[in-house]
């Protein structure tokens, strides 16, 4: 599992750096300006499962990344999704051909 860091971009835009999704999953930081963007280079869909803890209860939500998606974005409300550390855990149906960029907007 990798602890991913956010890239900060301004209103002028920026080229994003995508990280390969880890076989054991990843964690991502969250705040009100963070977005998680996935790239799926495979002809099959991928399922991303987000897991966090609220009041000692584990909560999960699943997202389907379309086949051959060049950019599939997920916005998380940190008041709902972030755990006590301000991060969300991400696991994948398979990490093959799946990459992720964590973006924080100025």
PDB file of N, CA and C in Angstrom:
ATOM      1  N   UNK A   1       0.849  -1.176   0.000  1.00  0.00           N
ATOM      2  CA  UNK A   1       0.000   0.000   0.000  1.00  0.00           C
ATOM      3  C   UNK A   1       0.889   1.230   0.000  1.00  0.00           C
ATOM      4  N   UNK A   2       0.554   2.163  -0.897  1.00  0.00           N
ATOM      5  CA  UNK A   2       1.342   3.388  -0.992  1.00  0.00           C
ATOM      6  C   UNK A   2       0.534   4.565  -0.446  1.00  0.00           C
ATOM      7  N   UNK A   3       1.209   5.448   0.271  1.00  0.00           N
ATOM      8  CA  UNK A   3       0.609   6.703   0.729  1.00  0.00           C
ATOM      9  C   UNK A   3       0.892   7.751  -0.340  1.00  0.00           C
ATOM     10  N   UNK A   4      -0.113   8.078  -1.129  1.00  0.00           N
ATOM     11  CA  UNK A   4       0.055   9.019  -2.224  1.00  0.00           C
ATOM     12  C   UNK A   4      -0.022  10.454  -1.730  1.00  0.00           C
ATOM     13  N   UNK A   5       0.702  11.340  -2.392  1.00  0.00           N
ATOM     14  CA  UNK A   5       0.675  12.766  -2.075  1.00  0.00           C
ATOM     15  C   UNK A   5      -0.058  13.513  -3.176  1.00  0.00           C
ATOM     16  N   UNK A   6      -0.657  14.639  -2.818  1.00  0.00           N
ATOM     17  CA  UNK A   6      -1.382  15.449  -3.788  1.00  0.00           C
ATOM     18  C   UNK A   6      -0.437  16.357  -4.557  1.00  0.00           C
ATOM     19  N   UNK A   7      -0.765  16.567  -5.819  1.00  0.00           N
ATOM     20  CA  UNK A   7      -0.095  17.548  -6.655  1.00  0.00           C
ATOM     21  C   UNK A   7      -0.947  18.811  -6.600  1.00  0.00           C
ATOM     22  N   UNK A   8      -0.337  19.952  -6.411  1.00  0.00           N
ATOM     23  CA  UNK A   8      -1.092  21.203  -6.370  1.00  0.00           C
ATOM     24  C   UNK A   8      -1.027  21.869  -7.739  1.00  0.00           C
ATOM     25  N   UNK A   9      -2.202  22.242  -8.268  1.00  0.00           N
ATOM     26  CA  UNK A   9      -2.241  22.943  -9.535  1.00  0.00           C
ATOM     27  C   UNK A   9      -2.959  24.282  -9.350  1.00  0.00           C
ATOM     28  N   UNK A  10      -2.620  25.227 -10.190  1.00  0.00           N
ATOM     29  CA  UNK A  10      -3.234  26.556 -10.131  1.00  0.00           C
ATOM     30  C   UNK A  10      -4.293  26.666 -11.218  1.00  0.00           C
ATOM     31  N   UNK A  11      -4.897  27.827 -11.297  1.00  0.00           N
ATOM     32  CA  UNK A  11      -5.901  28.075 -12.319  1.00  0.00           C
ATOM     33  C   UNK A  11      -5.351  28.007 -13.728  1.00  0.00           C
ATOM     34  N   UNK A  12      -4.039  28.139 -13.864  1.00  0.00           N
ATOM     35  CA  UNK A  12      -3.402  28.062 -15.178  1.00  0.00           C
ATOM     36  C   UNK A  12      -3.299  26.624 -15.674  1.00  0.00           C
ATOM     37  N   UNK A  13      -3.544  25.638 -14.791  1.00  0.00           N
ATOM     38  CA  UNK A  13      -3.456  24.241 -15.173  1.00  0.00           C
ATOM     39  C   UNK A  13      -2.057  23.691 -15.010  1.00  0.00           C
ATOM     40  N   UNK A  14      -1.920  22.405 -15.217  1.00  0.00           N
ATOM     41  CA  UNK A  14      -0.625  21.736 -15.097  1.00  0.00           C
ATOM     42  C   UNK A  14      -0.721  20.343 -15.696  1.00  0.00           C
ATOM     43  N   UNK A  15       0.408  19.823 -16.135  1.00  0.00           N
ATOM     44  CA  UNK A  15       0.471  18.432 -16.568  1.00  0.00           C
ATOM     45  C   UNK A  15       0.471  17.560 -15.319  1.00  0.00           C
ATOM     46  N   UNK A  16      -0.387  16.572 -15.282  1.00  0.00           N
ATOM     47  CA  UNK A  16      -0.504  15.714 -14.102  1.00  0.00           C
ATOM     48  C   UNK A  16       0.468  14.552 -14.173  1.00  0.00           C
ATOM     49  N   UNK A  17       0.944  14.140 -13.016  1.00  0.00           N
ATOM     50  CA  UNK A  17       1.760  12.941 -12.897  1.00  0.00           C
ATOM     51  C   UNK A  17       0.877  11.838 -12.335  1.00  0.00           C
ATOM     52  N   UNK A  18       0.765  10.740 -13.067  1.00  0.00           N
ATOM     53  CA  UNK A  18      -0.032   9.601 -12.620  1.00  0.00           C
ATOM     54  C   UNK A  18       0.890   8.546 -12.019  1.00  0.00           C
ATOM     55  N   UNK A  19       0.436   7.940 -10.929  1.00  0.00           N
ATOM     56  CA  UNK A  19       1.160   6.853 -10.268  1.00  0.00           C
ATOM     57  C   UNK A  19       0.464   5.545 -10.582  1.00  0.00           C
ATOM     58  N   UNK A  20       1.232   4.481 -10.770  1.00  0.00           N
ATOM     59  CA  UNK A  20       0.623   3.169 -10.929  1.00  0.00           C
ATOM     60  C   UNK A  20      -0.089   2.799  -9.635  1.00  0.00           C
ATOM     61  N   UNK A  21      -1.286   2.263  -9.740  1.00  0.00           N
ATOM     62  CA  UNK A  21      -2.017   1.831  -8.549  1.00  0.00           C
ATOM     63  C   UNK A  21      -1.321   0.612  -7.957  1.00  0.00           C
ATOM     64  N   UNK A  22      -1.201   0.582  -6.632  1.00  0.00           N
ATOM     65  CA  UNK A  22      -0.491  -0.497  -5.944  1.00  0.00           C
ATOM     66  C   UNK A  22      -1.394  -1.713  -5.774  1.00  0.00           C
ATOM     67  N   UNK A  23      -0.790  -2.894  -5.870  1.00  0.00           N
ATOM     68  CA  UNK A  23      -1.540  -4.145  -5.738  1.00  0.00           C
ATOM     69  C   UNK A  23      -2.281  -4.225  -4.408  1.00  0.00           C
ATOM     70  N   UNK A  24      -1.685  -3.720  -3.343  1.00  0.00           N
ATOM     71  CA  UNK A  24      -2.317  -3.767  -2.029  1.00  0.00           C
ATOM     72  C   UNK A  24      -3.198  -2.573  -1.728  1.00  0.00           C
ATOM     73  N   UNK A  25      -3.337  -1.649  -2.701  1.00  0.00           N
ATOM     74  CA  UNK A  25      -4.144  -0.461  -2.504  1.00  0.00           C
ATOM     75  C   UNK A  25      -3.280   0.751  -2.182  1.00  0.00           C
ATOM     76  N   UNK A  26      -3.928   1.882  -2.032  1.00  0.00           N
ATOM     77  CA  UNK A  26      -3.254   3.148  -1.757  1.00  0.00           C
ATOM     78  C   UNK A  26      -4.064   3.944  -0.746  1.00  0.00           C
ATOM     79  N   UNK A  27      -3.438   4.970  -0.179  1.00  0.00           N
ATOM     80  CA  UNK A  27      -4.185   5.947   0.601  1.00  0.00           C
ATOM     81  C   UNK A  27      -3.964   7.301  -0.041  1.00  0.00           C
ATOM     82  N   UNK A  28      -4.963   8.174   0.091  1.00  0.00           N
ATOM     83  CA  UNK A  28      -4.883   9.503  -0.510  1.00  0.00           C
ATOM     84  C   UNK A  28      -5.307  10.549   0.504  1.00  0.00           C
ATOM     85  N   UNK A  29      -4.641  11.711   0.497  1.00  0.00           N
ATOM     86  CA  UNK A  29      -5.042  12.797   1.383  1.00  0.00           C
ATOM     87  C   UNK A  29      -6.307  13.458   0.859  1.00  0.00           C
ATOM     88  N   UNK A  30      -7.054  14.037   1.767  1.00  0.00           N
ATOM     89  CA  UNK A  30      -8.282  14.715   1.372  1.00  0.00           C
ATOM     90  C   UNK A  30      -8.395  16.077   2.025  1.00  0.00           C
ATOM     91  N   UNK A  31      -8.878  17.019   1.271  1.00  0.00           N
ATOM     92  CA  UNK A  31      -9.337  18.284   1.807  1.00  0.00           C
ATOM     93  C   UNK A  31     -10.392  18.795   0.836  1.00  0.00           C
ATOM     94  N   UNK A  32     -10.921  19.958   1.072  1.00  0.00           N
ATOM     95  CA  UNK A  32     -12.039  20.458   0.273  1.00  0.00           C
ATOM     96  C   UNK A  32     -11.675  20.727  -1.187  1.00  0.00           C
ATOM     97  N   UNK A  33     -10.385  20.741  -1.511  1.00  0.00           N
ATOM     98  CA  UNK A  33      -9.966  21.046  -2.872  1.00  0.00           C
ATOM     99  C   UNK A  33      -9.301  19.863  -3.571  1.00  0.00           C
ATOM    100  N   UNK A  34      -9.504  18.660  -3.073  1.00  0.00           N
ATOM    101  CA  UNK A  34      -8.812  17.493  -3.611  1.00  0.00           C
ATOM    102  C   UNK A  34      -9.721  16.674  -4.523  1.00  0.00           C
ATOM    103  N   UNK A  35      -9.141  16.196  -5.603  1.00  0.00           N
ATOM    104  CA  UNK A  35      -9.819  15.300  -6.521  1.00  0.00           C
ATOM    105  C   UNK A  35      -8.894  14.132  -6.812  1.00  0.00           C
ATOM    106  N   UNK A  36      -9.478  12.957  -6.972  1.00  0.00           N
ATOM    107  CA  UNK A  36      -8.712  11.762  -7.324  1.00  0.00           C
ATOM    108  C   UNK A  36      -9.091  11.397  -8.754  1.00  0.00           C
ATOM    109  N   UNK A  37      -8.080  11.307  -9.629  1.00  0.00           N
ATOM    110  CA  UNK A  37      -8.324  11.047 -11.043  1.00  0.00           C
ATOM    111  C   UNK A  37      -7.672   9.725 -11.425  1.00  0.00           C
ATOM    112  N   UNK A  38      -8.434   8.868 -12.087  1.00  0.00           N
ATOM    113  CA  UNK A  38      -7.936   7.568 -12.514  1.00  0.00           C
ATOM    114  C   UNK A  38      -7.812   7.521 -14.031  1.00  0.00           C
ATOM    115  N   UNK A  39      -6.820   6.758 -14.468  1.00  0.00           N
ATOM    116  CA  UNK A  39      -6.624   6.445 -15.876  1.00  0.00           C
ATOM    117  C   UNK A  39      -6.652   4.930 -16.003  1.00  0.00           C
ATOM    118  N   UNK A  40      -7.513   4.425 -16.873  1.00  0.00           N
ATOM    119  CA  UNK A  40      -7.617   2.990 -17.096  1.00  0.00           C
ATOM    120  C   UNK A  40      -7.228   2.699 -18.533  1.00  0.00           C
ATOM    121  N   UNK A  41      -6.078   2.083 -18.732  1.00  0.00           N
ATOM    122  CA  UNK A  41      -5.580   1.789 -20.073  1.00  0.00           C
ATOM    123  C   UNK A  41      -6.038   0.422 -20.569  1.00  0.00           C
ATOM    124  N   UNK A  42      -6.966  -0.201 -19.867  1.00  0.00           N
ATOM    125  CA  UNK A  42      -7.417  -1.542 -20.213  1.00  0.00           C
ATOM    126  C   UNK A  42      -8.783  -1.478 -20.892  1.00  0.00           C
ATOM    127  N   UNK A  43      -9.106  -2.507 -21.661  1.00  0.00           N
ATOM    128  CA  UNK A  43     -10.399  -2.579 -22.347  1.00  0.00           C
ATOM    129  C   UNK A  43     -11.517  -3.057 -21.428  1.00  0.00           C
ATOM    130  N   UNK A  44     -11.203  -3.338 -20.175  1.00  0.00           N
ATOM    131  CA  UNK A  44     -12.208  -3.760 -19.197  1.00  0.00           C
ATOM    132  C   UNK A  44     -12.332  -2.699 -18.099  1.00  0.00           C
ATOM    133  N   UNK A  45     -13.507  -2.605 -17.500  1.00  0.00           N
ATOM    134  CA  UNK A  45     -13.695  -1.659 -16.403  1.00  0.00           C
ATOM    135  C   UNK A  45     -12.893  -2.094 -15.192  1.00  0.00           C
ATOM    136  N   UNK A  46     -12.665  -1.160 -14.281  1.00  0.00           N
ATOM    137  CA  UNK A  46     -11.996  -1.417 -13.012  1.00  0.00           C
ATOM    138  C   UNK A  46     -12.891  -0.881 -11.900  1.00  0.00           C
ATOM    139  N   UNK A  47     -12.898  -1.568 -10.772  1.00  0.00           N
ATOM    140  CA  UNK A  47     -13.674  -1.109  -9.625  1.00  0.00           C
ATOM    141  C   UNK A  47     -12.722  -0.571  -8.575  1.00  0.00           C
ATOM    142  N   UNK A  48     -12.990   0.645  -8.115  1.00  0.00           N
ATOM    143  CA  UNK A  48     -12.220   1.275  -7.045  1.00  0.00           C
ATOM    144  C   UNK A  48     -13.115   1.281  -5.809  1.00  0.00           C
ATOM    145  N   UNK A  49     -12.583   0.781  -4.708  1.00  0.00           N
ATOM    146  CA  UNK A  49     -13.317   0.792  -3.447  1.00  0.00           C
ATOM    147  C   UNK A  49     -12.644   1.761  -2.495  1.00  0.00           C
ATOM    148  N   UNK A  50     -13.409   2.750  -2.042  1.00  0.00           N
ATOM    149  CA  UNK A  50     -12.923   3.727  -1.064  1.00  0.00           C
ATOM    150  C   UNK A  50     -13.408   3.303   0.314  1.00  0.00           C
ATOM    151  N   UNK A  51     -12.493   3.315   1.292  1.00  0.00           N
ATOM    152  CA  UNK A  51     -12.835   2.900   2.658  1.00  0.00           C
ATOM    153  C   UNK A  51     -12.347   3.951   3.637  1.00  0.00           C
ATOM    154  N   UNK A  52     -13.173   4.286   4.583  1.00  0.00           N
ATOM    155  CA  UNK A  52     -12.818   5.238   5.627  1.00  0.00           C
ATOM    156  C   UNK A  52     -13.568   4.863   6.888  1.00  0.00           C
ATOM    157  N   UNK A  53     -13.242   5.501   7.997  1.00  0.00           N
ATOM    158  CA  UNK A  53     -13.875   5.213   9.285  1.00  0.00           C
ATOM    159  C   UNK A  53     -14.545   6.464   9.820  1.00  0.00           C
ATOM    160  N   UNK A  54     -15.801   6.309  10.205  1.00  0.00           N
ATOM    161  CA  UNK A  54     -16.546   7.388  10.833  1.00  0.00           C
ATOM    162  C   UNK A  54     -17.112   6.863  12.140  1.00  0.00           C
ATOM    163  N   UNK A  55     -16.787   7.518  13.241  1.00  0.00           N
ATOM    164  CA  UNK A  55     -17.283   7.111  14.559  1.00  0.00           C
ATOM    165  C   UNK A  55     -17.084   5.616  14.801  1.00  0.00           C
ATOM    166  N   UNK A  56     -15.903   5.121  14.532  1.00  0.00           N
ATOM    167  CA  UNK A  56     -15.492   3.734  14.746  1.00  0.00           C
ATOM    168  C   UNK A  56     -16.175   2.742  13.811  1.00  0.00           C
ATOM    169  N   UNK A  57     -16.909   3.221  12.825  1.00  0.00           N
ATOM    170  CA  UNK A  57     -17.558   2.324  11.862  1.00  0.00           C
ATOM    171  C   UNK A  57     -16.847   2.432  10.514  1.00  0.00           C
ATOM    172  N   UNK A  58     -16.558   1.283   9.922  1.00  0.00           N
ATOM    173  CA  UNK A  58     -15.927   1.257   8.616  1.00  0.00           C
ATOM    174  C   UNK A  58     -16.998   1.446   7.540  1.00  0.00           C
ATOM    175  N   UNK A  59     -16.723   2.343   6.592  1.00  0.00           N
ATOM    176  CA  UNK A  59     -17.659   2.654   5.519  1.00  0.00           C
ATOM    177  C   UNK A  59     -16.945   2.437   4.195  1.00  0.00           C
ATOM    178  N   UNK A  60     -17.646   1.879   3.205  1.00  0.00           N
ATOM    179  CA  UNK A  60     -17.054   1.696   1.882  1.00  0.00           C
ATOM    180  C   UNK A  60     -17.991   2.227   0.811  1.00  0.00           C
ATOM    181  N   UNK A  61     -17.389   2.632  -0.293  1.00  0.00           N
ATOM    182  CA  UNK A  61     -18.149   3.059  -1.456  1.00  0.00           C
ATOM    183  C   UNK A  61     -17.372   2.621  -2.678  1.00  0.00           C
ATOM    184  N   UNK A  62     -18.083   2.091  -3.677  1.00  0.00           N
ATOM    185  CA  UNK A  62     -17.417   1.608  -4.885  1.00  0.00           C
ATOM    186  C   UNK A  62     -17.709   2.504  -6.084  1.00  0.00           C
ATOM    187  N   UNK A  63     -16.697   2.617  -6.954  1.00  0.00           N
ATOM    188  CA  UNK A  63     -16.792   3.404  -8.176  1.00  0.00           C
ATOM    189  C   UNK A  63     -16.302   2.536  -9.327  1.00  0.00           C
ATOM    190  N   UNK A  64     -16.957   2.631 -10.468  1.00  0.00           N
ATOM    191  CA  UNK A  64     -16.528   1.893 -11.650  1.00  0.00           C
ATOM    192  C   UNK A  64     -15.806   2.842 -12.589  1.00  0.00           C
ATOM    193  N   UNK A  65     -14.536   2.544 -12.848  1.00  0.00           N
ATOM    194  CA  UNK A  65     -13.740   3.332 -13.791  1.00  0.00           C
ATOM    195  C   UNK A  65     -13.980   2.715 -15.165  1.00  0.00           C
ATOM    196  N   UNK A  66     -14.510   3.497 -16.110  1.00  0.00           N
ATOM    197  CA  UNK A  66     -14.820   2.944 -17.429  1.00  0.00           C
ATOM    198  C   UNK A  66     -13.598   2.377 -18.145  1.00  0.00           C
ATOM    199  N   UNK A  67     -13.852   1.441 -19.039  1.00  0.00           N
ATOM    200  CA  UNK A  67     -12.789   0.869 -19.864  1.00  0.00           C
ATOM    201  C   UNK A  67     -12.148   1.970 -20.695  1.00  0.00           C
ATOM    202  N   UNK A  68     -10.846   1.902 -20.838  1.00  0.00           N
ATOM    203  CA  UNK A  68     -10.074   2.851 -21.651  1.00  0.00           C
ATOM    204  C   UNK A  68     -10.324   4.307 -21.281  1.00  0.00           C
ATOM    205  N   UNK A  69     -10.605   4.581 -20.019  1.00  0.00           N
ATOM    206  CA  UNK A  69     -10.861   5.950 -19.552  1.00  0.00           C
ATOM    207  C   UNK A  69      -9.550   6.705 -19.429  1.00  0.00           C
ATOM    208  N   UNK A  70      -9.480   7.853 -20.043  1.00  0.00           N
ATOM    209  CA  UNK A  70      -8.267   8.662 -19.972  1.00  0.00           C
ATOM    210  C   UNK A  70      -8.248   9.548 -18.733  1.00  0.00           C
ATOM    211  N   UNK A  71      -9.397   9.774 -18.129  1.00  0.00           N
ATOM    212  CA  UNK A  71      -9.467  10.564 -16.910  1.00  0.00           C
ATOM    213  C   UNK A  71     -10.834  10.419 -16.265  1.00  0.00           C
ATOM    214  N   UNK A  72     -10.919   9.668 -15.188  1.00  0.00           N
ATOM    215  CA  UNK A  72     -12.169   9.457 -14.455  1.00  0.00           C
ATOM    216  C   UNK A  72     -11.971  10.042 -13.070  1.00  0.00           C
ATOM    217  N   UNK A  73     -12.659  11.134 -12.773  1.00  0.00           N
ATOM    218  CA  UNK A  73     -12.422  11.841 -11.527  1.00  0.00           C
ATOM    219  C   UNK A  73     -13.437  11.526 -10.446  1.00  0.00           C
ATOM    220  N   UNK A  74     -12.960  11.496  -9.207  1.00  0.00           N
ATOM    221  CA  UNK A  74     -13.810  11.308  -8.032  1.00  0.00           C
ATOM    222  C   UNK A  74     -13.525  12.460  -7.081  1.00  0.00           C
ATOM    223  N   UNK A  75     -14.567  13.167  -6.695  1.00  0.00           N
ATOM    224  CA  UNK A  75     -14.456  14.191  -5.663  1.00  0.00           C
ATOM    225  C   UNK A  75     -14.955  13.588  -4.363  1.00  0.00           C
ATOM    226  N   UNK A  76     -14.247  13.799  -3.297  1.00  0.00           N
ATOM    227  CA  UNK A  76     -14.658  13.330  -1.985  1.00  0.00           C
ATOM    228  C   UNK A  76     -14.904  14.526  -1.080  1.00  0.00           C
ATOM    229  N   UNK A  77     -15.974  14.509  -0.329  1.00  0.00           N
ATOM    230  CA  UNK A  77     -16.207  15.520   0.697  1.00  0.00           C
ATOM    231  C   UNK A  77     -15.434  15.074   1.930  1.00  0.00           C
ATOM    232  N   UNK A  78     -14.386  15.797   2.335  1.00  0.00           N
ATOM    233  CA  UNK A  78     -13.554  15.332   3.445  1.00  0.00           C
ATOM    234  C   UNK A  78     -14.323  15.216   4.756  1.00  0.00           C
ATOM    235  N   UNK A  79     -15.394  15.943   4.900  1.00  0.00           N
ATOM    236  CA  UNK A  79     -16.181  15.830   6.130  1.00  0.00           C
ATOM    237  C   UNK A  79     -16.871  14.475   6.209  1.00  0.00           C
ATOM    238  N   UNK A  80     -17.060  13.838   5.065  1.00  0.00           N
ATOM    239  CA  UNK A  80     -17.736  12.540   5.029  1.00  0.00           C
ATOM    240  C   UNK A  80     -16.742  11.397   4.854  1.00  0.00           C
ATOM    241  N   UNK A  81     -15.763  11.560   3.957  1.00  0.00           N
ATOM    242  CA  UNK A  81     -14.927  10.443   3.540  1.00  0.00           C
ATOM    243  C   UNK A  81     -13.601  10.285   4.270  1.00  0.00           C
ATOM    244  N   UNK A  82     -13.049  11.346   4.805  1.00  0.00           N
ATOM    245  CA  UNK A  82     -11.719  11.245   5.411  1.00  0.00           C
ATOM    246  C   UNK A  82     -11.794  10.566   6.769  1.00  0.00           C
ATOM    247  N   UNK A  83     -10.828   9.717   7.043  1.00  0.00           N
ATOM    248  CA  UNK A  83     -10.774   9.099   8.364  1.00  0.00           C
ATOM    249  C   UNK A  83     -10.037  10.039   9.319  1.00  0.00           C
ATOM    250  N   UNK A  84      -9.734   9.568  10.503  1.00  0.00           N
ATOM    251  CA  UNK A  84      -9.127  10.419  11.534  1.00  0.00           C
ATOM    252  C   UNK A  84      -7.788  11.017  11.086  1.00  0.00           C
ATOM    253  N   UNK A  85      -7.133  10.379  10.118  1.00  0.00           N
ATOM    254  CA  UNK A  85      -5.851  10.884   9.633  1.00  0.00           C
ATOM    255  C   UNK A  85      -6.018  11.840   8.455  1.00  0.00           C
ATOM    256  N   UNK A  86      -7.261  12.066   7.998  1.00  0.00           N
ATOM    257  CA  UNK A  86      -7.489  12.922   6.840  1.00  0.00           C
ATOM    258  C   UNK A  86      -7.183  12.231   5.525  1.00  0.00           C
ATOM    259  N   UNK A  87      -7.258  10.899   5.506  1.00  0.00           N
ATOM    260  CA  UNK A  87      -6.949  10.126   4.304  1.00  0.00           C
ATOM    261  C   UNK A  87      -8.073   9.140   4.029  1.00  0.00           C
ATOM    262  N   UNK A  88      -8.158   8.707   2.802  1.00  0.00           N
ATOM    263  CA  UNK A  88      -9.098   7.671   2.396  1.00  0.00           C
ATOM    264  C   UNK A  88      -8.272   6.519   1.826  1.00  0.00           C
ATOM    265  N   UNK A  89      -8.683   5.283   2.123  1.00  0.00           N
ATOM    266  CA  UNK A  89      -8.001   4.101   1.585  1.00  0.00           C
ATOM    267  C   UNK A  89      -8.674   3.685   0.285  1.00  0.00           C
ATOM    268  N   UNK A  90      -7.860   3.340  -0.713  1.00  0.00           N
ATOM    269  CA  UNK A  90      -8.357   2.929  -2.012  1.00  0.00           C
ATOM    270  C   UNK A  90      -7.846   1.535  -2.334  1.00  0.00           C
ATOM    271  N   UNK A  91      -8.742   0.646  -2.720  1.00  0.00           N
ATOM    272  CA  UNK A  91      -8.338  -0.678  -3.203  1.00  0.00           C
ATOM    273  C   UNK A  91      -8.974  -0.875  -4.574  1.00  0.00           C
ATOM    274  N   UNK A  92      -8.447  -1.838  -5.321  1.00  0.00           N
ATOM    275  CA  UNK A  92      -8.812  -1.982  -6.721  1.00  0.00           C
ATOM    276  C   UNK A  92      -9.165  -3.425  -7.047  1.00  0.00           C
ATOM    277  N   UNK A  93     -10.140  -3.607  -7.958  1.00  0.00           N
ATOM    278  CA  UNK A  93     -10.483  -4.959  -8.409  1.00  0.00           C
ATOM    279  C   UNK A  93      -9.254  -5.597  -9.045  1.00  0.00           C
ATOM    280  N   UNK A  94      -8.478  -4.806  -9.730  1.00  0.00           N
ATOM    281  CA  UNK A  94      -7.150  -5.152 -10.221  1.00  0.00           C
ATOM    282  C   UNK A  94      -6.419  -3.852 -10.498  1.00  0.00           C
ATOM    283  N   UNK A  95      -5.145  -3.833 -10.261  1.00  0.00           N
ATOM    284  CA  UNK A  95      -4.358  -2.623 -10.501  1.00  0.00           C
ATOM    285  C   UNK A  95      -3.751  -2.614 -11.903  1.00  0.00           C
ATOM    286  N   UNK A  96      -3.940  -3.699 -12.648  1.00  0.00           N
ATOM    287  CA  UNK A  96      -3.361  -3.809 -13.989  1.00  0.00           C
ATOM    288  C   UNK A  96      -3.901  -2.697 -14.889  1.00  0.00           C
ATOM    289  N   UNK A  97      -3.007  -1.931 -15.478  1.00  0.00           N
ATOM    290  CA  UNK A  97      -3.318  -0.835 -16.396  1.00  0.00           C
ATOM    291  C   UNK A  97      -4.076   0.322 -15.738  1.00  0.00           C
ATOM    292  N   UNK A  98      -4.062   0.399 -14.414  1.00  0.00           N
ATOM    293  CA  UNK A  98      -4.778   1.449 -13.706  1.00  0.00           C
ATOM    294  C   UNK A  98      -3.770   2.381 -13.008  1.00  0.00           C
ATOM    295  N   UNK A  99      -3.927   3.681 -13.218  1.00  0.00           N
ATOM    296  CA  UNK A  99      -3.053   4.649 -12.572  1.00  0.00           C
ATOM    297  C   UNK A  99      -3.911   5.755 -11.967  1.00  0.00           C
ATOM    298  N   UNK A 100      -3.301   6.516 -11.049  1.00  0.00           N
ATOM    299  CA  UNK A 100      -4.052   7.503 -10.285  1.00  0.00           C
ATOM    300  C   UNK A 100      -3.216   8.773 -10.098  1.00  0.00           C
ATOM    301  N   UNK A 101      -3.906   9.901 -10.111  1.00  0.00           N
ATOM    302  CA  UNK A 101      -3.294  11.192  -9.774  1.00  0.00           C
ATOM    303  C   UNK A 101      -4.155  11.834  -8.695  1.00  0.00           C
ATOM    304  N   UNK A 102      -3.519  12.326  -7.655  1.00  0.00           N
ATOM    305  CA  UNK A 102      -4.219  13.039  -6.588  1.00  0.00           C
ATOM    306  C   UNK A 102      -3.943  14.521  -6.841  1.00  0.00           C
ATOM    307  N   UNK A 103      -4.985  15.309  -7.012  1.00  0.00           N
ATOM    308  CA  UNK A 103      -4.833  16.709  -7.408  1.00  0.00           C
ATOM    309  C   UNK A 103      -5.495  17.605  -6.374  1.00  0.00           C
ATOM    310  N   UNK A 104      -4.755  18.620  -5.962  1.00  0.00           N
ATOM    311  CA  UNK A 104      -5.285  19.648  -5.058  1.00  0.00           C
ATOM    312  C   UNK A 104      -5.275  20.962  -5.821  1.00  0.00           C
ATOM    313  N   UNK A 105      -6.440  21.583  -5.913  1.00  0.00           N
ATOM    314  CA  UNK A 105      -6.586  22.852  -6.624  1.00  0.00           C
ATOM    315  C   UNK A 105      -6.299  24.007  -5.682  1.00  0.00           C
ATOM    316  N   UNK A 106      -5.587  25.027  -6.175  1.00  0.00           N
ATOM    317  CA  UNK A 106      -5.349  26.245  -5.397  1.00  0.00           C
ATOM    318  C   UNK A 106      -6.631  27.027  -5.254  1.00  0.00           C
TER     319      UNK A 106
END
